[in-house]
Amino acid sequence: PYWLSCDASVFDVRNIRYKQTGEKLPSEFALYECVGMDIVRDHQRIDCVMDRWNPEDLPPSLEGTTWDSSWGVPRVLVMNCQVPYQSGRLFGAHPEDDGGLSIINYFV
């Protein structure tokens, strides 16, 4: 399985004062591009993924773009979606030994 890159302008985003106008416009350039994804299963939950990275190991900015702190967003975005692996009971606590799956996406 794979995905293909596309131009950000194919997505319509809400314009300023969307509530009053209902207007959507083509997006400008994308702030991030997905550069990787890991799916990890463990007996413990995987938390604080960025705390385990060395700042020198962070991927560089993409070609043709230069990140600027004035944008007000982080240079690297990591999303960790945690999903249970074992089914739990209808009522009560989830099994202690199930760390579940972590679906970790890396964006630069």
N, C-alpha and C. Protein backbone atom coordinates (compact mmCIF):
# COMPACT_ATOMS: atom_id res chain seq x y z
N PRO A 1 0.83 -1.19 0.00
CA PRO A 1 0.00 0.00 0.00
C PRO A 1 0.87 1.26 0.00
N TYR A 2 0.41 2.27 -0.65
CA TYR A 2 1.15 3.53 -0.70
C TYR A 2 0.17 4.66 -0.98
N TRP A 3 0.67 5.85 -0.89
CA TRP A 3 -0.13 7.01 -1.25
C TRP A 3 0.66 7.86 -2.22
N LEU A 4 -0.05 8.70 -2.93
CA LEU A 4 0.58 9.58 -3.90
C LEU A 4 0.50 11.02 -3.41
N SER A 5 1.52 11.79 -3.70
CA SER A 5 1.50 13.21 -3.36
C SER A 5 0.54 13.93 -4.29
N CYS A 6 -0.06 14.99 -3.79
CA CYS A 6 -0.94 15.79 -4.64
C CYS A 6 -0.74 17.25 -4.26
N ASP A 7 -1.20 18.12 -5.12
CA ASP A 7 -1.13 19.54 -4.87
C ASP A 7 -2.15 19.91 -3.80
N ALA A 8 -1.75 20.74 -2.84
CA ALA A 8 -2.65 21.11 -1.74
C ALA A 8 -3.88 21.87 -2.23
N SER A 9 -3.80 22.49 -3.40
CA SER A 9 -4.93 23.30 -3.88
C SER A 9 -6.14 22.45 -4.27
N VAL A 10 -6.02 21.11 -4.32
CA VAL A 10 -7.19 20.28 -4.62
C VAL A 10 -8.16 20.25 -3.44
N PHE A 11 -7.71 20.71 -2.25
CA PHE A 11 -8.56 20.72 -1.07
C PHE A 11 -9.13 22.11 -0.86
N ASP A 12 -10.45 22.18 -0.70
CA ASP A 12 -11.08 23.46 -0.39
C ASP A 12 -11.10 23.63 1.13
N VAL A 13 -10.67 24.79 1.60
CA VAL A 13 -10.63 25.09 3.03
C VAL A 13 -11.53 26.29 3.31
N ARG A 14 -11.93 26.41 4.54
CA ARG A 14 -12.84 27.50 4.93
C ARG A 14 -12.13 28.84 4.86
N ASN A 15 -12.80 29.81 4.29
CA ASN A 15 -12.29 31.17 4.20
C ASN A 15 -12.52 31.88 5.53
N ILE A 16 -11.84 33.00 5.73
CA ILE A 16 -12.08 33.83 6.91
C ILE A 16 -13.55 34.24 6.90
N ARG A 17 -14.18 34.26 8.05
CA ARG A 17 -15.61 34.56 8.21
C ARG A 17 -16.48 33.52 7.49
N TYR A 18 -16.07 32.27 7.57
CA TYR A 18 -16.81 31.18 6.92
C TYR A 18 -18.25 31.09 7.46
N LYS A 19 -18.42 31.33 8.76
CA LYS A 19 -19.77 31.21 9.34
C LYS A 19 -20.76 32.17 8.68
N GLN A 20 -20.28 33.36 8.32
CA GLN A 20 -21.17 34.34 7.70
C GLN A 20 -21.32 34.09 6.19
N THR A 21 -20.23 33.71 5.52
CA THR A 21 -20.26 33.63 4.06
C THR A 21 -20.45 32.22 3.52
N GLY A 22 -20.02 31.21 4.29
CA GLY A 22 -20.08 29.83 3.80
C GLY A 22 -19.10 29.57 2.66
N GLU A 23 -18.14 30.48 2.47
CA GLU A 23 -17.22 30.39 1.34
C GLU A 23 -16.01 29.51 1.65
N LYS A 24 -15.69 28.65 0.69
CA LYS A 24 -14.48 27.83 0.75
C LYS A 24 -13.61 28.16 -0.46
N LEU A 25 -12.30 28.13 -0.24
CA LEU A 25 -11.34 28.45 -1.29
C LEU A 25 -10.32 27.33 -1.42
N PRO A 26 -9.66 27.20 -2.57
CA PRO A 26 -8.58 26.21 -2.69
C PRO A 26 -7.47 26.54 -1.70
N SER A 27 -6.94 25.50 -1.08
CA SER A 27 -5.86 25.67 -0.10
C SER A 27 -4.62 26.25 -0.77
N GLU A 28 -3.85 26.99 0.01
CA GLU A 28 -2.53 27.41 -0.46
C GLU A 28 -1.59 26.22 -0.25
N PHE A 29 -0.30 26.46 -0.20
CA PHE A 29 0.66 25.36 -0.07
C PHE A 29 0.43 24.58 1.23
N ALA A 30 0.81 23.32 1.23
CA ALA A 30 0.66 22.47 2.41
C ALA A 30 1.77 22.78 3.41
N LEU A 31 1.42 22.86 4.68
CA LEU A 31 2.43 23.12 5.70
C LEU A 31 3.30 21.89 5.96
N TYR A 32 2.75 20.70 5.78
CA TYR A 32 3.48 19.47 6.08
C TYR A 32 3.32 18.46 4.96
N GLU A 33 4.29 17.56 4.89
CA GLU A 33 4.19 16.40 4.01
C GLU A 33 4.55 15.18 4.84
N CYS A 34 3.76 14.12 4.70
CA CYS A 34 4.03 12.89 5.44
C CYS A 34 5.29 12.24 4.89
N VAL A 35 6.26 12.02 5.76
CA VAL A 35 7.52 11.42 5.32
C VAL A 35 7.71 10.01 5.86
N GLY A 36 6.78 9.55 6.69
CA GLY A 36 6.91 8.19 7.19
C GLY A 36 5.78 7.80 8.11
N MET A 37 5.64 6.48 8.29
CA MET A 37 4.61 5.96 9.18
C MET A 37 5.10 4.64 9.73
N ASP A 38 4.91 4.44 11.02
CA ASP A 38 5.24 3.17 11.67
C ASP A 38 3.99 2.66 12.37
N ILE A 39 3.81 1.34 12.35
CA ILE A 39 2.77 0.69 13.14
C ILE A 39 3.48 -0.25 14.08
N VAL A 40 3.32 0.00 15.39
CA VAL A 40 4.09 -0.72 16.40
C VAL A 40 3.13 -1.33 17.41
N ARG A 41 3.36 -2.60 17.72
CA ARG A 41 2.60 -3.27 18.78
C ARG A 41 3.55 -3.57 19.92
N ASP A 42 3.11 -3.28 21.15
CA ASP A 42 3.96 -3.52 22.31
C ASP A 42 3.07 -3.91 23.49
N HIS A 43 3.71 -4.37 24.56
CA HIS A 43 2.96 -4.73 25.76
C HIS A 43 2.73 -3.52 26.66
N GLN A 44 3.38 -2.40 26.34
CA GLN A 44 3.16 -1.15 27.05
C GLN A 44 2.76 -0.08 26.04
N ARG A 45 1.97 0.88 26.49
CA ARG A 45 1.62 1.99 25.61
C ARG A 45 2.87 2.76 25.23
N ILE A 46 2.91 3.23 24.00
CA ILE A 46 4.03 4.04 23.54
C ILE A 46 3.59 5.50 23.59
N ASP A 47 4.18 6.25 24.51
CA ASP A 47 3.84 7.65 24.70
C ASP A 47 5.07 8.52 24.45
N CYS A 48 4.86 9.80 24.25
CA CYS A 48 5.93 10.80 24.16
C CYS A 48 6.99 10.42 23.13
N VAL A 49 6.57 10.19 21.90
CA VAL A 49 7.48 9.75 20.84
C VAL A 49 8.58 10.79 20.60
N MET A 50 8.23 12.07 20.59
CA MET A 50 9.22 13.12 20.32
C MET A 50 10.26 13.24 21.43
N ASP A 51 9.91 12.86 22.66
CA ASP A 51 10.89 12.92 23.76
C ASP A 51 12.04 11.95 23.56
N ARG A 52 11.87 10.95 22.73
CA ARG A 52 12.91 9.94 22.50
C ARG A 52 13.83 10.31 21.34
N TRP A 53 13.53 11.39 20.63
CA TRP A 53 14.34 11.79 19.47
C TRP A 53 15.42 12.76 19.87
N ASN A 54 16.55 12.62 19.22
CA ASN A 54 17.63 13.59 19.34
C ASN A 54 17.35 14.70 18.33
N PRO A 55 17.42 15.98 18.71
CA PRO A 55 17.12 17.06 17.75
C PRO A 55 17.97 17.00 16.48
N GLU A 56 19.18 16.44 16.56
CA GLU A 56 20.02 16.34 15.37
C GLU A 56 19.51 15.28 14.39
N ASP A 57 18.65 14.38 14.87
CA ASP A 57 18.12 13.32 14.01
C ASP A 57 16.84 13.72 13.29
N LEU A 58 16.33 14.93 13.57
CA LEU A 58 15.10 15.36 12.91
C LEU A 58 15.33 15.50 11.42
N PRO A 59 14.37 15.12 10.61
CA PRO A 59 14.55 15.22 9.16
C PRO A 59 14.64 16.68 8.72
N PRO A 60 15.34 16.94 7.61
CA PRO A 60 15.44 18.32 7.13
C PRO A 60 14.12 18.78 6.52
N SER A 61 14.01 20.08 6.30
CA SER A 61 12.83 20.61 5.61
C SER A 61 12.81 20.07 4.19
N LEU A 62 11.64 20.03 3.60
CA LEU A 62 11.51 19.52 2.24
C LEU A 62 12.15 20.47 1.24
N GLU A 63 12.51 19.93 0.11
CA GLU A 63 13.11 20.75 -0.95
C GLU A 63 12.14 21.86 -1.35
N GLY A 64 12.69 23.05 -1.55
CA GLY A 64 11.88 24.17 -2.01
C GLY A 64 11.13 24.88 -0.92
N THR A 65 11.20 24.40 0.33
CA THR A 65 10.52 25.07 1.44
C THR A 65 11.51 25.31 2.56
N THR A 66 11.29 26.37 3.27
CA THR A 66 12.09 26.66 4.45
C THR A 66 11.13 26.98 5.58
N TRP A 67 11.18 26.17 6.63
CA TRP A 67 10.29 26.38 7.77
C TRP A 67 10.68 27.66 8.48
N ASP A 68 9.68 28.38 8.98
CA ASP A 68 9.92 29.62 9.69
C ASP A 68 9.12 29.59 10.99
N SER A 69 9.76 29.91 12.10
CA SER A 69 9.08 29.86 13.40
C SER A 69 7.92 30.86 13.49
N SER A 70 7.90 31.87 12.62
CA SER A 70 6.81 32.85 12.64
C SER A 70 5.48 32.23 12.20
N TRP A 71 5.52 31.05 11.58
CA TRP A 71 4.30 30.37 11.18
C TRP A 71 3.47 29.95 12.39
N GLY A 72 4.13 29.78 13.53
CA GLY A 72 3.42 29.38 14.74
C GLY A 72 3.07 27.91 14.81
N VAL A 73 3.76 27.08 14.02
CA VAL A 73 3.54 25.63 14.06
C VAL A 73 4.89 24.95 14.20
N PRO A 74 4.93 23.74 14.76
CA PRO A 74 6.22 23.05 14.91
C PRO A 74 6.80 22.65 13.55
N ARG A 75 8.12 22.53 13.49
CA ARG A 75 8.79 22.14 12.24
C ARG A 75 8.49 20.69 11.90
N VAL A 76 8.43 19.84 12.91
CA VAL A 76 8.12 18.41 12.72
C VAL A 76 6.87 18.11 13.54
N LEU A 77 5.92 17.42 12.92
CA LEU A 77 4.68 17.04 13.59
C LEU A 77 4.61 15.52 13.62
N VAL A 78 4.42 14.96 14.81
CA VAL A 78 4.30 13.51 14.97
C VAL A 78 2.94 13.22 15.57
N MET A 79 2.17 12.39 14.88
CA MET A 79 0.86 11.98 15.38
C MET A 79 0.94 10.52 15.79
N ASN A 80 0.51 10.23 17.03
CA ASN A 80 0.53 8.87 17.56
C ASN A 80 -0.90 8.47 17.87
N CYS A 81 -1.48 7.65 17.00
CA CYS A 81 -2.85 7.16 17.19
C CYS A 81 -2.76 5.81 17.89
N GLN A 82 -3.31 5.72 19.10
CA GLN A 82 -3.22 4.49 19.89
C GLN A 82 -4.54 3.73 19.82
N VAL A 83 -4.44 2.45 19.47
CA VAL A 83 -5.61 1.61 19.26
C VAL A 83 -5.44 0.33 20.08
N PRO A 84 -6.48 -0.11 20.81
CA PRO A 84 -6.34 -1.36 21.56
C PRO A 84 -6.15 -2.55 20.62
N TYR A 85 -5.38 -3.53 21.06
CA TYR A 85 -5.15 -4.72 20.25
C TYR A 85 -6.09 -5.85 20.69
N GLN A 86 -6.29 -5.96 21.99
CA GLN A 86 -7.20 -6.99 22.52
C GLN A 86 -8.55 -6.36 22.78
N SER A 87 -9.59 -7.17 22.62
CA SER A 87 -10.90 -6.65 22.98
C SER A 87 -11.06 -6.75 24.49
N GLY A 88 -11.62 -5.73 25.07
CA GLY A 88 -11.86 -5.73 26.51
C GLY A 88 -13.28 -6.16 26.81
N ARG A 89 -13.57 -6.22 28.08
CA ARG A 89 -14.93 -6.56 28.49
C ARG A 89 -15.84 -5.37 28.25
N LEU A 90 -17.11 -5.62 28.19
CA LEU A 90 -18.08 -4.55 27.96
C LEU A 90 -18.03 -3.54 29.10
N PHE A 91 -17.91 -4.03 30.32
CA PHE A 91 -17.80 -3.16 31.49
C PHE A 91 -16.51 -3.51 32.22
N GLY A 92 -15.88 -2.52 32.80
CA GLY A 92 -14.66 -2.77 33.57
C GLY A 92 -13.42 -2.28 32.84
N ALA A 93 -12.29 -2.56 33.43
CA ALA A 93 -11.01 -2.07 32.92
C ALA A 93 -10.55 -2.89 31.71
N HIS A 94 -9.76 -2.24 30.87
CA HIS A 94 -9.15 -2.90 29.72
C HIS A 94 -8.01 -3.80 30.23
N PRO A 95 -7.69 -4.90 29.52
CA PRO A 95 -6.60 -5.78 29.98
C PRO A 95 -5.29 -5.00 30.19
N GLU A 96 -4.66 -5.20 31.35
CA GLU A 96 -3.43 -4.47 31.72
C GLU A 96 -2.27 -4.76 30.78
N ASP A 97 -2.19 -6.00 30.26
CA ASP A 97 -1.03 -6.39 29.45
C ASP A 97 -1.17 -5.99 27.98
N ASP A 98 -2.23 -5.28 27.63
CA ASP A 98 -2.43 -4.86 26.24
C ASP A 98 -1.94 -3.43 26.06
N GLY A 99 -0.76 -3.29 25.47
CA GLY A 99 -0.25 -1.96 25.15
C GLY A 99 -0.87 -1.43 23.87
N GLY A 100 -1.51 -2.29 23.13
CA GLY A 100 -2.18 -1.89 21.91
C GLY A 100 -1.24 -1.64 20.73
N LEU A 101 -1.78 -1.02 19.73
CA LEU A 101 -1.03 -0.63 18.54
C LEU A 101 -0.85 0.88 18.54
N SER A 102 0.31 1.32 18.15
CA SER A 102 0.54 2.74 17.91
C SER A 102 0.75 2.93 16.43
N ILE A 103 -0.05 3.79 15.83
CA ILE A 103 0.12 4.16 14.42
C ILE A 103 0.74 5.55 14.45
N ILE A 104 2.03 5.62 14.14
CA ILE A 104 2.80 6.84 14.29
C ILE A 104 3.08 7.42 12.92
N ASN A 105 2.64 8.66 12.70
CA ASN A 105 2.86 9.36 11.42
C ASN A 105 3.83 10.51 11.64
N TYR A 106 4.76 10.68 10.71
CA TYR A 106 5.77 11.74 10.80
C TYR A 106 5.55 12.73 9.66
N PHE A 107 5.44 14.01 10.00
CA PHE A 107 5.22 15.05 9.01
C PHE A 107 6.34 16.10 9.13
N VAL A 108 6.84 16.55 7.98
CA VAL A 108 7.87 17.60 7.94
C VAL A 108 7.34 18.73 7.10
